[in-house]
Amino acid sequence: MKTKLKSTLAALALAATGAAAQASNTIVDIAAGDERFSTLVAAVQAAGLADTLAGPGPFTVYAPVNDAFAALPDGTVETLLKPENKGQLTNVLLYHVDDRNLGAAMIPSGSNYFKPVLASERLCITKDASGVSIADGTGDSANVIIADIQASNGVIHVIDKVLLPGTRPACH
């Protein structure tokens, strides 16, 4: 009985340690550890935003997967990663960040404007029976394909399109 209790307590301690380690992962740690975000991580580093997004937050990051970057017109990513385009790259990345911790349950049903960190712009986030979509400044929409990846400094919602600033998106 004592041995079983000891092994159960040891397993619980190990699980708690693992949970604590998981909870201490920042948004940057999680993205850097997931190959699906390698282009996003490279862009965040090129823009000099890694330290900010590893900070205390809270942040909500709408994180495009590599395929979303690959779907941009040829040469777009390479052009944005050039040092002389750091300002434009920074604006595109800040368009994907909210300075609150917005779990999926906090997004109201219907279409609503949300203010990203890029304060001059707005996103139109629509939540309905089919899921959550985000209209950007081009009028195109990204779909949230994985919601609520918890980080120590916020939450990541994985999206299937790179959000681009532009004219204010119309909420329906």
Protein backbone atom coordinates (compact mmCIF):
# COMPACT_ATOMS: atom_id res chain seq x y z
CA MET A 1 0.00 0.00 0.00
CA LYS A 2 2.81 2.41 0.96
CA THR A 3 4.65 1.65 -2.29
CA LYS A 4 1.50 2.25 -4.33
CA LEU A 5 0.88 5.54 -2.48
CA LYS A 6 4.50 6.62 -3.02
CA SER A 7 4.37 5.83 -6.73
CA THR A 8 1.02 7.63 -7.08
CA LEU A 9 2.43 10.69 -5.27
CA ALA A 10 5.56 10.57 -7.43
CA ALA A 11 3.41 10.36 -10.58
CA LEU A 12 1.31 13.30 -9.39
CA ALA A 13 4.44 15.33 -8.61
CA LEU A 14 5.85 14.53 -12.04
CA ALA A 15 2.57 15.46 -13.71
CA ALA A 16 2.42 18.71 -11.74
CA THR A 17 5.99 19.50 -12.75
CA GLY A 18 5.17 18.80 -16.39
CA ALA A 19 2.05 20.96 -16.17
CA ALA A 20 4.05 23.77 -14.57
CA ALA A 21 6.67 23.54 -17.29
CA GLN A 22 3.95 23.57 -19.94
CA ALA A 23 2.27 26.58 -18.30
CA SER A 24 5.57 28.51 -18.28
CA ASN A 25 5.84 28.31 -22.08
CA THR A 26 5.32 31.69 -23.68
CA ILE A 27 3.65 32.21 -27.03
CA VAL A 28 7.13 32.46 -28.58
CA ASP A 29 8.27 29.21 -26.91
CA ILE A 30 5.23 27.33 -28.22
CA ALA A 31 5.55 28.72 -31.75
CA ALA A 32 9.30 28.08 -31.87
CA GLY A 33 8.73 24.48 -30.79
CA ASP A 34 6.17 23.77 -33.53
CA GLU A 35 7.44 23.32 -37.11
CA ARG A 36 4.06 24.51 -38.48
CA PHE A 37 5.02 28.04 -37.36
CA SER A 38 8.63 28.24 -38.64
CA THR A 39 7.84 31.04 -41.12
CA LEU A 40 5.96 33.00 -38.46
CA VAL A 41 8.86 32.57 -36.02
CA ALA A 42 11.34 33.76 -38.66
CA ALA A 43 9.15 36.81 -39.32
CA VAL A 44 8.78 37.61 -35.61
CA GLN A 45 12.56 37.40 -35.20
CA ALA A 46 13.21 39.56 -38.29
CA ALA A 47 10.81 42.20 -36.96
CA GLY A 48 12.47 42.17 -33.53
CA LEU A 49 9.22 41.20 -31.79
CA ALA A 50 10.32 37.93 -30.15
CA ASP A 51 11.20 39.55 -26.80
CA THR A 52 7.90 41.45 -26.73
CA LEU A 53 5.82 38.36 -27.47
CA ALA A 54 7.82 36.40 -24.88
CA GLY A 55 6.99 39.11 -22.32
CA PRO A 56 4.26 39.02 -19.68
CA GLY A 57 1.38 39.88 -22.03
CA PRO A 58 -1.41 39.10 -22.04
CA PHE A 59 -1.57 38.47 -25.78
CA THR A 60 -3.86 36.73 -28.18
CA VAL A 61 -2.00 35.73 -31.33
CA TYR A 62 -3.78 34.70 -34.50
CA ALA A 63 -0.94 32.53 -35.75
CA PRO A 64 -0.77 31.67 -39.47
CA VAL A 65 0.70 28.28 -40.34
CA ASN A 66 3.50 27.94 -42.90
CA ASP A 67 0.99 27.04 -45.65
CA ALA A 68 -0.71 30.41 -45.09
CA PHE A 69 2.56 32.23 -45.76
CA ALA A 70 3.23 29.98 -48.78
CA ALA A 71 -0.17 31.01 -50.23
CA LEU A 72 0.90 34.68 -50.42
CA PRO A 73 1.97 35.90 -53.86
CA ASP A 74 5.46 34.73 -54.88
CA GLY A 75 8.22 36.77 -53.27
CA THR A 76 6.00 38.40 -50.62
CA VAL A 77 7.58 36.67 -47.62
CA GLU A 78 11.12 37.19 -48.91
CA THR A 79 10.39 40.88 -49.54
CA LEU A 80 8.89 41.38 -46.07
CA LEU A 81 11.89 39.69 -44.42
CA LYS A 82 14.36 42.19 -45.94
CA PRO A 83 15.77 44.62 -43.35
CA GLU A 84 14.53 47.66 -45.31
CA ASN A 85 10.94 46.36 -44.96
CA LYS A 86 11.05 45.82 -41.19
CA GLY A 87 8.35 48.47 -40.57
CA GLN A 88 5.93 46.86 -43.00
CA LEU A 89 6.66 43.38 -41.60
CA THR A 90 6.12 44.68 -38.06
CA ASN A 91 2.73 46.13 -39.05
CA VAL A 92 1.64 42.84 -40.63
CA LEU A 93 2.67 40.91 -37.50
CA LEU A 94 1.07 43.36 -35.05
CA TYR A 95 -2.16 42.95 -37.05
CA HIS A 96 -2.17 39.34 -35.76
CA VAL A 97 -1.91 40.30 -32.06
CA ASP A 98 -4.49 41.48 -29.53
CA ASP A 99 -3.28 42.81 -26.19
CA ARG A 100 -5.83 40.76 -24.25
CA ASN A 101 -6.15 37.07 -23.47
CA LEU A 102 -9.15 36.19 -25.66
CA GLY A 103 -10.05 32.55 -25.41
CA ALA A 104 -12.53 31.23 -27.98
CA ALA A 105 -15.31 31.29 -25.38
CA MET A 106 -14.80 35.06 -24.97
CA ILE A 107 -15.45 35.78 -28.65
CA PRO A 108 -19.13 36.74 -28.95
CA SER A 109 -21.40 35.12 -31.51
CA GLY A 110 -22.01 37.11 -34.68
CA SER A 111 -19.66 39.54 -36.37
CA ASN A 112 -17.75 42.02 -34.23
CA TYR A 113 -14.86 44.43 -34.68
CA PHE A 114 -11.71 43.74 -32.70
CA LYS A 115 -8.75 46.12 -32.33
CA PRO A 116 -5.38 44.45 -32.85
CA VAL A 117 -2.16 45.93 -31.47
CA LEU A 118 -1.77 47.64 -34.87
CA ALA A 119 -4.13 50.33 -33.59
CA SER A 120 -4.83 51.97 -36.95
CA GLU A 121 -6.57 48.79 -38.15
CA ARG A 122 -9.52 46.59 -37.23
CA LEU A 123 -10.34 42.92 -37.63
CA CYS A 124 -13.86 41.60 -38.09
CA ILE A 125 -14.18 38.34 -36.19
CA THR A 126 -17.24 36.23 -36.92
CA LYS A 127 -18.29 33.35 -34.71
CA ASP A 128 -21.14 31.12 -35.81
CA ALA A 129 -22.12 27.46 -36.01
CA SER A 130 -19.42 26.80 -38.61
CA GLY A 131 -16.61 28.19 -36.43
CA VAL A 132 -14.61 31.39 -36.20
CA SER A 133 -13.37 33.44 -39.15
CA ILE A 134 -11.38 36.67 -39.22
CA ALA A 135 -11.81 39.21 -42.03
CA ASP A 136 -8.75 41.36 -42.69
CA GLY A 137 -8.20 44.67 -44.45
CA THR A 138 -8.27 43.03 -47.89
CA GLY A 139 -11.76 41.66 -47.34
CA ASP A 140 -10.47 38.07 -47.30
CA SER A 141 -11.05 35.81 -44.32
CA ALA A 142 -8.91 33.42 -42.33
CA ASN A 143 -10.43 30.48 -40.50
CA VAL A 144 -9.43 29.52 -36.99
CA ILE A 145 -8.32 25.91 -37.47
CA ILE A 146 -7.09 25.32 -33.89
CA ALA A 147 -8.34 27.44 -30.99
CA ASP A 148 -7.10 28.03 -27.48
CA ILE A 149 -3.48 26.89 -27.38
CA GLN A 150 -2.72 28.16 -23.89
CA ALA A 151 0.57 29.90 -23.13
CA SER A 152 1.85 31.45 -19.94
CA ASN A 153 1.36 34.93 -21.42
CA GLY A 154 -1.81 34.45 -23.45
CA VAL A 155 -3.41 32.27 -26.07
CA ILE A 156 -2.77 31.23 -29.67
CA HIS A 157 -5.49 30.69 -32.25
CA VAL A 158 -4.08 28.98 -35.34
CA ILE A 159 -5.33 30.43 -38.65
CA ASP A 160 -5.11 29.33 -42.28
CA LYS A 161 -4.36 32.73 -43.89
CA VAL A 162 -2.00 35.61 -43.26
CA LEU A 163 -4.03 38.65 -42.21
CA LEU A 164 -3.13 41.78 -44.16
CA PRO A 165 -3.90 45.36 -43.18
CA GLY A 166 -5.84 47.53 -45.60
CA THR A 167 -9.19 49.23 -45.71
CA ARG A 168 -11.39 48.55 -42.72
CA PRO A 169 -13.07 45.14 -43.04
CA ALA A 170 -16.85 45.14 -43.15
CA CYS A 171 -18.58 43.13 -40.47
CA HIS A 172 -21.72 41.48 -41.75
